[in-house]
Protein backbone atom coordinates (compact mmCIF):
# COMPACT_ATOMS: atom_id res chain seq x y z
CA MET A 1 0.00 0.00 0.00
CA ASP A 2 1.27 3.46 -0.86
CA SER A 3 2.53 5.13 2.35
CA GLU A 4 1.02 8.41 1.20
CA GLU A 5 -2.44 6.92 0.69
CA LYS A 6 -4.96 8.50 3.02
CA LYS A 7 -6.29 6.33 5.83
CA ILE A 8 -10.03 5.83 6.08
CA SER A 9 -12.29 5.92 9.10
CA ILE A 10 -15.05 3.35 9.43
CA ASP A 11 -18.26 4.16 11.21
CA PHE A 12 -19.67 0.92 12.54
CA ALA A 13 -23.36 0.51 13.05
CA LYS A 14 -24.43 0.04 16.65
CA ILE A 15 -24.98 -3.59 17.55
CA GLN A 16 -28.69 -4.14 17.95
CA GLU A 17 -30.16 -6.17 20.77
CA ARG A 18 -32.00 -9.30 19.77
CA VAL A 19 -35.40 -10.11 21.23
CA ILE A 20 -36.82 -13.61 21.65
CA ASN A 21 -40.12 -14.76 23.07
CA PHE A 22 -39.84 -17.40 25.76
CA ASP A 23 -43.00 -19.30 26.64
CA THR A 24 -43.08 -21.06 30.03
CA GLY A 25 -46.54 -22.48 29.34
CA GLU A 26 -48.11 -19.90 31.61
CA THR A 27 -46.39 -16.68 30.56
CA ILE A 28 -44.61 -15.40 27.45
CA TYR A 29 -41.53 -13.32 28.25
CA LYS A 30 -39.69 -10.93 25.95
CA VAL A 31 -36.01 -11.67 26.51
CA LYS A 32 -33.51 -9.10 25.24
CA ILE A 33 -30.04 -10.38 24.36
CA VAL A 34 -26.83 -8.57 23.44
CA PRO A 35 -25.44 -10.74 20.60
CA TYR A 36 -21.78 -9.86 21.22
CA ILE A 37 -19.44 -10.39 24.20
CA PRO A 38 -17.27 -7.27 24.68
CA LEU A 39 -13.57 -7.81 25.40
CA THR A 40 -13.74 -6.32 28.90
CA THR A 41 -16.66 -8.63 29.69
CA LYS A 42 -14.66 -11.63 28.45
CA VAL A 43 -11.74 -10.74 30.70
CA ASP A 44 -13.99 -10.33 33.76
CA ILE A 45 -15.81 -13.61 33.10
CA ILE A 46 -12.56 -15.56 32.57
CA ARG A 47 -11.11 -14.18 35.80
CA ASN A 48 -14.23 -15.23 37.71
CA TYR A 49 -14.16 -18.60 35.94
CA LEU A 50 -10.59 -19.31 37.08
CA GLU A 51 -11.36 -18.11 40.60
CA SER A 52 -14.33 -20.47 40.79
CA LEU A 53 -12.50 -23.42 39.21
CA TYR A 54 -9.48 -23.13 41.53
CA SER A 55 -11.28 -21.86 44.62
CA PRO A 56 -9.43 -22.97 47.79
CA GLU A 57 -12.80 -23.28 49.54
CA ILE A 58 -13.66 -26.35 47.44
CA LYS A 59 -11.01 -28.89 48.32
CA ASP A 60 -10.91 -32.14 46.36
CA ASP A 61 -14.28 -32.73 44.69
CA ALA A 62 -13.51 -32.14 41.00
CA ALA A 63 -17.13 -32.78 39.93
CA ILE A 64 -18.55 -30.09 42.25
CA ARG A 65 -15.78 -27.70 41.29
CA TYR A 66 -16.36 -28.19 37.55
CA MET A 67 -20.18 -28.09 37.58
CA GLY A 68 -20.24 -25.10 39.90
CA THR A 69 -17.98 -23.25 37.47
CA GLN A 70 -20.26 -24.07 34.52
CA TYR A 71 -23.28 -22.73 36.39
CA MET A 72 -21.29 -19.61 37.27
CA LEU A 73 -20.48 -19.09 33.57
CA MET A 74 -24.13 -19.40 32.63
CA LEU A 75 -25.20 -16.88 35.25
CA GLU A 76 -22.46 -14.46 34.17
CA ILE A 77 -23.71 -14.53 30.57
CA ILE A 78 -27.34 -14.13 31.59
CA GLU A 79 -26.62 -11.25 33.96
CA ARG A 80 -24.31 -9.34 31.60
CA LEU A 81 -25.95 -9.94 28.22
CA THR A 82 -29.69 -10.28 28.90
CA ASN A 83 -32.47 -8.45 30.72
CA ILE A 84 -33.14 -11.48 32.96
CA SER A 85 -32.61 -11.01 36.71
CA ILE A 86 -30.50 -13.78 38.22
CA ASP A 87 -31.87 -13.16 41.73
CA GLY A 88 -33.54 -16.39 42.76
CA LEU A 89 -33.07 -17.85 39.28
CA ASN A 90 -33.24 -21.66 39.22
CA VAL A 91 -30.27 -22.71 37.08
CA ASP A 92 -31.58 -26.25 36.61
CA LEU A 93 -34.83 -24.92 35.15
CA VAL A 94 -32.92 -22.57 32.87
CA TYR A 95 -31.21 -25.64 31.38
CA GLN A 96 -34.22 -27.96 31.37
CA SER A 97 -36.62 -25.42 29.88
CA GLY A 98 -34.37 -24.78 26.88
CA LEU A 99 -33.97 -21.09 27.76
CA TRP A 100 -30.16 -21.37 27.95
CA ASP A 101 -29.96 -22.90 24.46
CA LYS A 102 -32.16 -20.09 23.10
CA ILE A 103 -29.93 -17.44 24.69
CA ILE A 104 -26.58 -18.73 23.41
CA ALA A 105 -28.10 -19.34 19.96
CA GLU A 106 -28.42 -15.54 19.72
CA ILE A 107 -24.73 -14.97 20.66
CA PRO A 108 -22.70 -16.05 17.59
CA ASP A 109 -19.28 -15.73 19.25
CA TYR A 110 -20.20 -17.77 22.36
CA PRO A 111 -18.69 -21.07 21.02
CA LYS A 112 -15.45 -19.21 20.23
CA PHE A 113 -15.50 -17.66 23.70
CA LYS A 114 -15.82 -21.13 25.26
CA LYS A 115 -12.73 -22.25 23.35
CA GLU A 116 -10.87 -19.16 24.58
CA ILE A 117 -11.77 -20.08 28.15
CA ASP A 118 -10.46 -23.63 27.64
CA LEU A 119 -7.19 -22.27 26.22
CA VAL A 120 -6.75 -19.96 29.22
CA VAL A 121 -7.36 -22.89 31.59
CA GLU A 122 -4.76 -25.00 29.72
CA PHE A 123 -2.23 -22.16 29.92
CA TYR A 124 -2.98 -21.67 33.62
CA GLU A 125 -2.45 -25.38 34.30
CA PHE A 126 0.82 -25.37 32.33
CA GLN A 127 2.02 -22.30 34.24
CA LYS A 128 1.25 -23.93 37.59
CA THR A 129 3.01 -27.16 36.59
CA LEU A 130 6.07 -25.28 35.32
CA GLU A 131 6.34 -23.15 38.47
CA LYS A 132 6.03 -26.24 40.67
CA SER A 133 8.64 -28.20 38.69
CA VAL A 134 11.16 -25.36 38.62
CA GLY A 135 10.52 -24.63 42.29
CA ASN A 136 11.21 -28.23 43.29
CA ILE A 137 14.42 -28.33 41.27
CA VAL A 138 15.64 -24.99 42.60
CA ASP A 139 14.87 -26.10 46.17
CA GLY A 140 16.78 -29.31 45.55
CA LEU A 141 19.73 -27.42 44.11
CA SER A 142 19.75 -25.03 47.08
CA VAL A 143 19.93 -27.92 49.55
CA LYS A 144 22.73 -29.54 47.58
CA ILE A 145 24.69 -26.29 47.27
CA LEU A 146 24.54 -25.70 51.04
CA ASP A 147 25.69 -29.24 51.61
CA ILE A 148 28.57 -28.76 49.15
CA LEU A 149 29.64 -25.49 50.79
CA SER A 150 29.84 -27.22 54.14
CA LYS A 151 32.32 -29.71 52.64
CA ILE A 152 34.67 -27.14 51.11
CA GLU A 153 36.95 -26.85 54.14
CA LYS A 154 37.60 -30.59 53.97
CA MET A 155 37.92 -30.70 50.21
CA ASP A 156 40.20 -33.22 48.55
CA ILE A 157 40.32 -34.96 45.14
CA ASP A 158 37.54 -37.38 46.05
CA LYS A 159 35.32 -34.51 47.21
CA LEU A 160 35.94 -32.62 43.98
CA LYS A 161 34.79 -35.64 41.99
CA GLU A 162 31.69 -35.94 44.17
CA ILE A 163 30.84 -32.25 43.71
CA SER A 164 31.26 -32.50 39.96
CA GLN A 165 28.94 -35.51 39.80
CA GLU A 166 26.29 -33.80 41.96
CA PHE A 167 26.21 -30.64 39.84
CA THR A 168 26.10 -32.64 36.63
CA SER A 169 23.18 -34.71 37.92
CA ARG A 170 21.22 -31.60 38.97
CA LEU A 171 21.84 -29.85 35.68
CA ASP A 172 20.60 -32.95 33.85
CA ASP A 173 17.38 -32.89 35.92
CA LEU A 174 16.90 -29.20 35.19
CA ASN A 175 17.46 -29.70 31.49
CA LYS A 176 14.87 -32.52 31.34
CA THR A 177 12.24 -30.23 32.87
CA ILE A 178 13.15 -27.14 30.85
CA PRO A 179 14.96 -28.35 27.71
CA GLY A 180 17.83 -26.14 26.68
CA ILE A 181 18.24 -24.28 29.98
CA ALA A 182 21.43 -26.10 30.88
CA GLU A 183 22.76 -26.51 27.38
CA SER A 184 25.46 -24.34 25.90
CA LYS A 185 24.60 -22.26 22.85
CA SER A 186 25.73 -23.67 19.55
CA ASP A 187 27.14 -20.42 18.23
CA GLU A 188 30.61 -19.56 17.08
CA SER A 189 31.66 -18.37 20.54
CA SER A 190 31.01 -21.82 22.03
CA LYS A 191 33.11 -23.73 19.52
CA PRO A 192 36.49 -24.97 20.79
CA ILE A 193 39.36 -22.73 19.81
CA ALA A 194 41.54 -24.40 17.21
CA PRO A 195 45.22 -24.64 18.16
CA ILE A 196 47.37 -21.95 16.59
CA ALA A 197 49.96 -23.34 14.22
CA PRO A 198 53.52 -22.52 15.26
CA VAL A 199 55.21 -19.74 13.33
CA ILE A 200 58.11 -21.07 11.29
CA PRO A 201 60.71 -18.37 10.74
CA ILE A 202 61.94 -17.84 7.23
CA VAL A 203 65.75 -17.67 7.27
CA LYS A 204 67.33 -15.69 4.48
CA ARG A 205 70.65 -17.11 3.61
CA GLY A 206 73.21 -14.87 1.92
CA ARG A 207 75.50 -16.09 -0.75
CA LYS A 208 78.71 -17.55 0.53
CA LYS A 209 81.74 -15.52 -0.42
CA LYS A 210 84.10 -17.37 -2.57
CA VAL A 211 87.43 -17.72 -0.81
CA SER A 212 90.22 -17.00 -3.11
């Protein structure tokens, strides 16, 4: 594109609310739905999702933790994107009545948002695992280093060999957890320096004078 070409401004049309009729059998309700999840709303919902999923108040029951988080997600969407009050709302009836399916059918980017949540959870799990692994290795190294320092005053050849083996073993463990962290870079500076060939002097020999 020509750098001198004038930039254009786009005026986007305001996103219109969608309205659906929901019949409970006794009453027909007009439900208004915002068909788009704003970025700030996504961030808030994901933060609440993670807080619910990893809440320290719920100890070991994975089923309760997971299902509670799914209900929380549903209530977040209803509260933020519809005109339905969540006060006293029966979440089971929202599912069973088909109302939830009708709501998310009017939000085209909801399936994509669900995938984004799953990706964030995967990243969060990876981050926790990595921090735990590195922490354990660093703790182990710290203990070993203190132990090694205590042996320095009595150091001899056998101790030097033992120290070398201990460091090598720990570096191997660290490299298995975080590949490449204990490896040397394969650049020119890490290549062994080739021996310099000895300089052979060039001796200029003059002509021998003929002895008369």
